[in-house]
Amino acid sequence: MKAPSTRPAAVLGLDVGKSSHWACLIDRDGEVLDSAPVRNREAELDALFASAPAGTLVVVDQFRNIGSLAVRRARAAGLGVAHLPGLAASRAVDWLH
């Protein structure tokens, strides 16, 4: 019997900004399902998180201050949250190119 996967169903990366964030939703196979801006407003974040597949992991580059609303709303939606500091994200992008 194969053990269940511990990988998230999808990853929703948020590049956090002051008034809006860039959201990129990627499925387990690495396919980009959506990539678009979302305003840093409770209702818009709630709609984004509600549209994400169950088991999605939300990854933010800023956990505090301007990222705190997104973190709180993701957790309220029952999604897991992880922090990837901006420098690490930048290095990962450099590695891909």
N, C-alpha and C. Protein backbone atom coordinates (compact mmCIF):
# COMPACT_ATOMS: atom_id res chain seq x y z
N MET A 1 0.85 -1.18 0.00
CA MET A 1 0.00 0.00 0.00
C MET A 1 0.89 1.24 0.00
N LYS A 2 0.61 2.15 -0.90
CA LYS A 2 1.39 3.37 -1.03
C LYS A 2 0.98 4.38 0.05
N ALA A 3 1.97 4.98 0.70
CA ALA A 3 1.69 5.99 1.72
C ALA A 3 1.14 7.24 1.06
N PRO A 4 0.21 7.93 1.73
CA PRO A 4 -0.34 9.16 1.15
C PRO A 4 0.75 10.23 1.04
N SER A 5 0.61 11.07 0.03
CA SER A 5 1.58 12.14 -0.20
C SER A 5 1.48 13.19 0.90
N THR A 6 2.63 13.68 1.32
CA THR A 6 2.64 14.78 2.29
C THR A 6 2.81 16.12 1.59
N ARG A 7 2.94 16.09 0.26
CA ARG A 7 3.05 17.33 -0.51
C ARG A 7 1.69 18.02 -0.54
N PRO A 8 1.69 19.34 -0.52
CA PRO A 8 0.42 20.06 -0.61
C PRO A 8 -0.24 19.84 -1.98
N ALA A 9 -1.55 19.99 -2.02
CA ALA A 9 -2.29 19.86 -3.28
C ALA A 9 -1.84 20.92 -4.27
N ALA A 10 -1.52 22.10 -3.76
CA ALA A 10 -1.06 23.22 -4.57
C ALA A 10 -0.29 24.17 -3.67
N VAL A 11 0.46 25.06 -4.29
CA VAL A 11 1.17 26.11 -3.56
C VAL A 11 0.71 27.44 -4.12
N LEU A 12 0.33 28.32 -3.23
CA LEU A 12 -0.08 29.67 -3.60
C LEU A 12 0.97 30.62 -3.07
N GLY A 13 1.84 31.10 -3.95
CA GLY A 13 2.88 32.03 -3.56
C GLY A 13 2.37 33.45 -3.62
N LEU A 14 2.68 34.23 -2.59
CA LEU A 14 2.30 35.64 -2.55
C LEU A 14 3.55 36.49 -2.44
N ASP A 15 3.78 37.30 -3.46
CA ASP A 15 4.82 38.32 -3.41
C ASP A 15 4.13 39.54 -2.82
N VAL A 16 4.37 39.76 -1.54
CA VAL A 16 3.62 40.75 -0.77
C VAL A 16 4.05 42.17 -1.11
N GLY A 17 3.06 43.03 -1.30
CA GLY A 17 3.27 44.45 -1.53
C GLY A 17 2.38 45.25 -0.60
N LYS A 18 2.57 46.54 -0.58
CA LYS A 18 1.83 47.40 0.35
C LYS A 18 0.33 47.41 0.05
N SER A 19 -0.06 47.70 -1.17
CA SER A 19 -1.49 47.80 -1.48
C SER A 19 -2.01 46.59 -2.24
N SER A 20 -1.12 45.84 -2.86
CA SER A 20 -1.53 44.61 -3.54
C SER A 20 -0.40 43.60 -3.50
N HIS A 21 -0.76 42.36 -3.77
CA HIS A 21 0.21 41.25 -3.79
C HIS A 21 0.13 40.59 -5.16
N TRP A 22 1.20 39.92 -5.56
CA TRP A 22 1.13 39.10 -6.76
C TRP A 22 0.94 37.67 -6.28
N ALA A 23 -0.12 37.03 -6.76
CA ALA A 23 -0.45 35.67 -6.36
C ALA A 23 -0.19 34.73 -7.52
N CYS A 24 0.49 33.62 -7.24
CA CYS A 24 0.76 32.60 -8.26
C CYS A 24 0.40 31.24 -7.67
N LEU A 25 -0.56 30.57 -8.28
CA LEU A 25 -1.03 29.27 -7.81
C LEU A 25 -0.47 28.19 -8.72
N ILE A 26 0.24 27.23 -8.12
CA ILE A 26 0.90 26.16 -8.85
C ILE A 26 0.41 24.83 -8.30
N ASP A 27 0.05 23.91 -9.19
CA ASP A 27 -0.43 22.61 -8.71
C ASP A 27 0.75 21.70 -8.38
N ARG A 28 0.44 20.52 -7.91
CA ARG A 28 1.43 19.55 -7.47
C ARG A 28 2.40 19.15 -8.58
N ASP A 29 1.94 19.25 -9.82
CA ASP A 29 2.79 18.87 -10.95
C ASP A 29 3.61 20.03 -11.50
N GLY A 30 3.50 21.20 -10.87
CA GLY A 30 4.26 22.36 -11.29
C GLY A 30 3.58 23.21 -12.33
N GLU A 31 2.33 22.90 -12.65
CA GLU A 31 1.59 23.69 -13.64
C GLU A 31 1.03 24.96 -12.99
N VAL A 32 1.25 26.09 -13.63
CA VAL A 32 0.71 27.36 -13.13
C VAL A 32 -0.78 27.40 -13.44
N LEU A 33 -1.59 27.45 -12.38
CA LEU A 33 -3.04 27.49 -12.54
C LEU A 33 -3.57 28.91 -12.64
N ASP A 34 -2.88 29.84 -11.98
CA ASP A 34 -3.29 31.24 -12.02
C ASP A 34 -2.12 32.09 -11.56
N SER A 35 -2.03 33.28 -12.12
CA SER A 35 -0.99 34.23 -11.74
C SER A 35 -1.55 35.62 -11.99
N ALA A 36 -1.83 36.35 -10.91
CA ALA A 36 -2.49 37.65 -11.05
C ALA A 36 -2.33 38.46 -9.78
N PRO A 37 -2.50 39.76 -9.89
CA PRO A 37 -2.47 40.59 -8.68
C PRO A 37 -3.75 40.43 -7.87
N VAL A 38 -3.63 40.66 -6.58
CA VAL A 38 -4.78 40.67 -5.68
C VAL A 38 -4.57 41.82 -4.70
N ARG A 39 -5.60 42.61 -4.50
CA ARG A 39 -5.47 43.74 -3.59
C ARG A 39 -5.35 43.25 -2.15
N ASN A 40 -4.66 44.01 -1.35
CA ASN A 40 -4.47 43.68 0.06
C ASN A 40 -5.70 44.10 0.86
N ARG A 41 -6.82 43.49 0.53
CA ARG A 41 -8.10 43.75 1.18
C ARG A 41 -8.68 42.43 1.63
N GLU A 42 -9.30 42.43 2.79
CA GLU A 42 -9.81 41.20 3.37
C GLU A 42 -10.71 40.42 2.41
N ALA A 43 -11.68 41.08 1.80
CA ALA A 43 -12.63 40.39 0.92
C ALA A 43 -11.93 39.77 -0.29
N GLU A 44 -10.97 40.48 -0.86
CA GLU A 44 -10.27 39.95 -2.03
C GLU A 44 -9.36 38.79 -1.66
N LEU A 45 -8.71 38.89 -0.52
CA LEU A 45 -7.87 37.77 -0.05
C LEU A 45 -8.74 36.56 0.27
N ASP A 46 -9.88 36.79 0.92
CA ASP A 46 -10.79 35.69 1.24
C ASP A 46 -11.26 34.98 -0.02
N ALA A 47 -11.58 35.74 -1.07
CA ALA A 47 -12.02 35.15 -2.33
C ALA A 47 -10.89 34.33 -2.96
N LEU A 48 -9.67 34.86 -2.90
CA LEU A 48 -8.53 34.13 -3.44
C LEU A 48 -8.34 32.81 -2.72
N PHE A 49 -8.35 32.84 -1.39
CA PHE A 49 -8.11 31.63 -0.62
C PHE A 49 -9.26 30.63 -0.76
N ALA A 50 -10.48 31.13 -0.92
CA ALA A 50 -11.63 30.24 -1.11
C ALA A 50 -11.56 29.52 -2.46
N SER A 51 -10.91 30.14 -3.45
CA SER A 51 -10.82 29.52 -4.77
C SER A 51 -9.67 28.52 -4.87
N ALA A 52 -8.79 28.50 -3.88
CA ALA A 52 -7.64 27.58 -3.90
C ALA A 52 -8.11 26.16 -3.56
N PRO A 53 -7.49 25.15 -4.15
CA PRO A 53 -7.86 23.77 -3.83
C PRO A 53 -7.63 23.46 -2.35
N ALA A 54 -8.43 22.56 -1.81
CA ALA A 54 -8.21 22.11 -0.43
C ALA A 54 -6.80 21.57 -0.31
N GLY A 55 -6.14 21.85 0.78
CA GLY A 55 -4.79 21.37 0.99
C GLY A 55 -3.70 22.25 0.39
N THR A 56 -4.07 23.45 -0.04
CA THR A 56 -3.10 24.38 -0.60
C THR A 56 -2.23 24.97 0.50
N LEU A 57 -0.96 25.12 0.22
CA LEU A 57 -0.02 25.78 1.11
C LEU A 57 0.22 27.19 0.59
N VAL A 58 0.01 28.18 1.44
CA VAL A 58 0.24 29.58 1.08
C VAL A 58 1.64 29.95 1.54
N VAL A 59 2.45 30.47 0.63
CA VAL A 59 3.83 30.86 0.94
C VAL A 59 3.96 32.36 0.72
N VAL A 60 4.41 33.06 1.76
CA VAL A 60 4.56 34.52 1.68
C VAL A 60 6.02 34.89 1.89
N ASP A 61 6.40 36.02 1.30
CA ASP A 61 7.78 36.49 1.47
C ASP A 61 7.91 37.46 2.64
N GLN A 62 6.78 37.97 3.14
CA GLN A 62 6.80 38.86 4.30
C GLN A 62 5.69 38.42 5.25
N PHE A 63 6.09 37.97 6.41
CA PHE A 63 5.16 37.39 7.38
C PHE A 63 4.50 38.46 8.24
N ARG A 64 5.21 39.52 8.50
CA ARG A 64 4.70 40.56 9.39
C ARG A 64 4.32 41.80 8.58
N ASN A 65 3.90 42.81 9.28
CA ASN A 65 3.56 44.10 8.67
C ASN A 65 2.63 43.94 7.48
N ILE A 66 3.10 44.25 6.26
CA ILE A 66 2.22 44.26 5.11
C ILE A 66 1.75 42.86 4.70
N GLY A 67 2.37 41.82 5.19
CA GLY A 67 1.94 40.46 4.89
C GLY A 67 1.02 39.86 5.93
N SER A 68 0.83 40.55 7.04
CA SER A 68 0.08 39.96 8.16
C SER A 68 -1.39 39.71 7.85
N LEU A 69 -2.03 40.58 7.07
CA LEU A 69 -3.44 40.36 6.73
C LEU A 69 -3.58 39.10 5.88
N ALA A 70 -2.72 38.92 4.90
CA ALA A 70 -2.77 37.72 4.06
C ALA A 70 -2.56 36.46 4.89
N VAL A 71 -1.61 36.50 5.80
CA VAL A 71 -1.34 35.35 6.67
C VAL A 71 -2.57 35.02 7.53
N ARG A 72 -3.15 36.04 8.14
CA ARG A 72 -4.34 35.81 8.99
C ARG A 72 -5.50 35.26 8.19
N ARG A 73 -5.76 35.81 7.01
CA ARG A 73 -6.90 35.37 6.20
C ARG A 73 -6.67 33.95 5.65
N ALA A 74 -5.43 33.61 5.29
CA ALA A 74 -5.13 32.26 4.82
C ALA A 74 -5.38 31.25 5.94
N ARG A 75 -4.91 31.57 7.12
CA ARG A 75 -5.14 30.67 8.27
C ARG A 75 -6.62 30.56 8.59
N ALA A 76 -7.36 31.67 8.50
CA ALA A 76 -8.81 31.65 8.75
C ALA A 76 -9.52 30.77 7.72
N ALA A 77 -8.96 30.67 6.52
CA ALA A 77 -9.54 29.83 5.47
C ALA A 77 -9.13 28.36 5.63
N GLY A 78 -8.33 28.09 6.65
CA GLY A 78 -7.91 26.71 6.91
C GLY A 78 -6.73 26.24 6.09
N LEU A 79 -6.01 27.18 5.49
CA LEU A 79 -4.85 26.83 4.68
C LEU A 79 -3.57 26.92 5.50
N GLY A 80 -2.62 26.07 5.18
CA GLY A 80 -1.32 26.14 5.81
C GLY A 80 -0.56 27.34 5.28
N VAL A 81 0.32 27.88 6.11
CA VAL A 81 1.09 29.07 5.73
C VAL A 81 2.57 28.81 6.02
N ALA A 82 3.41 29.22 5.08
CA ALA A 82 4.86 29.12 5.26
C ALA A 82 5.49 30.44 4.85
N HIS A 83 6.69 30.67 5.35
CA HIS A 83 7.42 31.90 5.06
C HIS A 83 8.66 31.57 4.26
N LEU A 84 8.83 32.26 3.14
CA LEU A 84 10.04 32.15 2.34
C LEU A 84 10.60 33.56 2.21
N PRO A 85 11.67 33.86 2.95
CA PRO A 85 12.22 35.22 2.90
C PRO A 85 12.57 35.65 1.47
N GLY A 86 12.46 36.94 1.22
CA GLY A 86 12.70 37.49 -0.10
C GLY A 86 14.04 37.10 -0.70
N LEU A 87 15.10 37.09 0.10
CA LEU A 87 16.42 36.73 -0.41
C LEU A 87 16.43 35.29 -0.90
N ALA A 88 15.82 34.39 -0.16
CA ALA A 88 15.76 32.98 -0.58
C ALA A 88 14.94 32.84 -1.85
N ALA A 89 13.84 33.57 -1.97
CA ALA A 89 13.02 33.53 -3.18
C ALA A 89 13.81 34.05 -4.36
N SER A 90 14.54 35.14 -4.17
CA SER A 90 15.36 35.70 -5.24
C SER A 90 16.43 34.71 -5.70
N ARG A 91 17.06 34.04 -4.77
CA ARG A 91 18.09 33.05 -5.12
C ARG A 91 17.48 31.87 -5.86
N ALA A 92 16.27 31.47 -5.46
CA ALA A 92 15.59 30.38 -6.15
C ALA A 92 15.29 30.75 -7.60
N VAL A 93 14.86 31.98 -7.82
CA VAL A 93 14.58 32.45 -9.18
C VAL A 93 15.87 32.48 -10.00
N ASP A 94 16.94 32.96 -9.39
CA ASP A 94 18.23 32.98 -10.08
C ASP A 94 18.68 31.57 -10.48
N TRP A 95 18.40 30.60 -9.60
CA TRP A 95 18.77 29.22 -9.86
C TRP A 95 18.00 28.66 -11.06
N LEU A 96 16.75 29.10 -11.22
CA LEU A 96 15.93 28.62 -12.33
C LEU A 96 16.41 29.15 -13.68
N HIS A 97 17.05 30.28 -13.69
CA HIS A 97 17.50 30.88 -14.96
C HIS A 97 18.86 30.42 -15.24
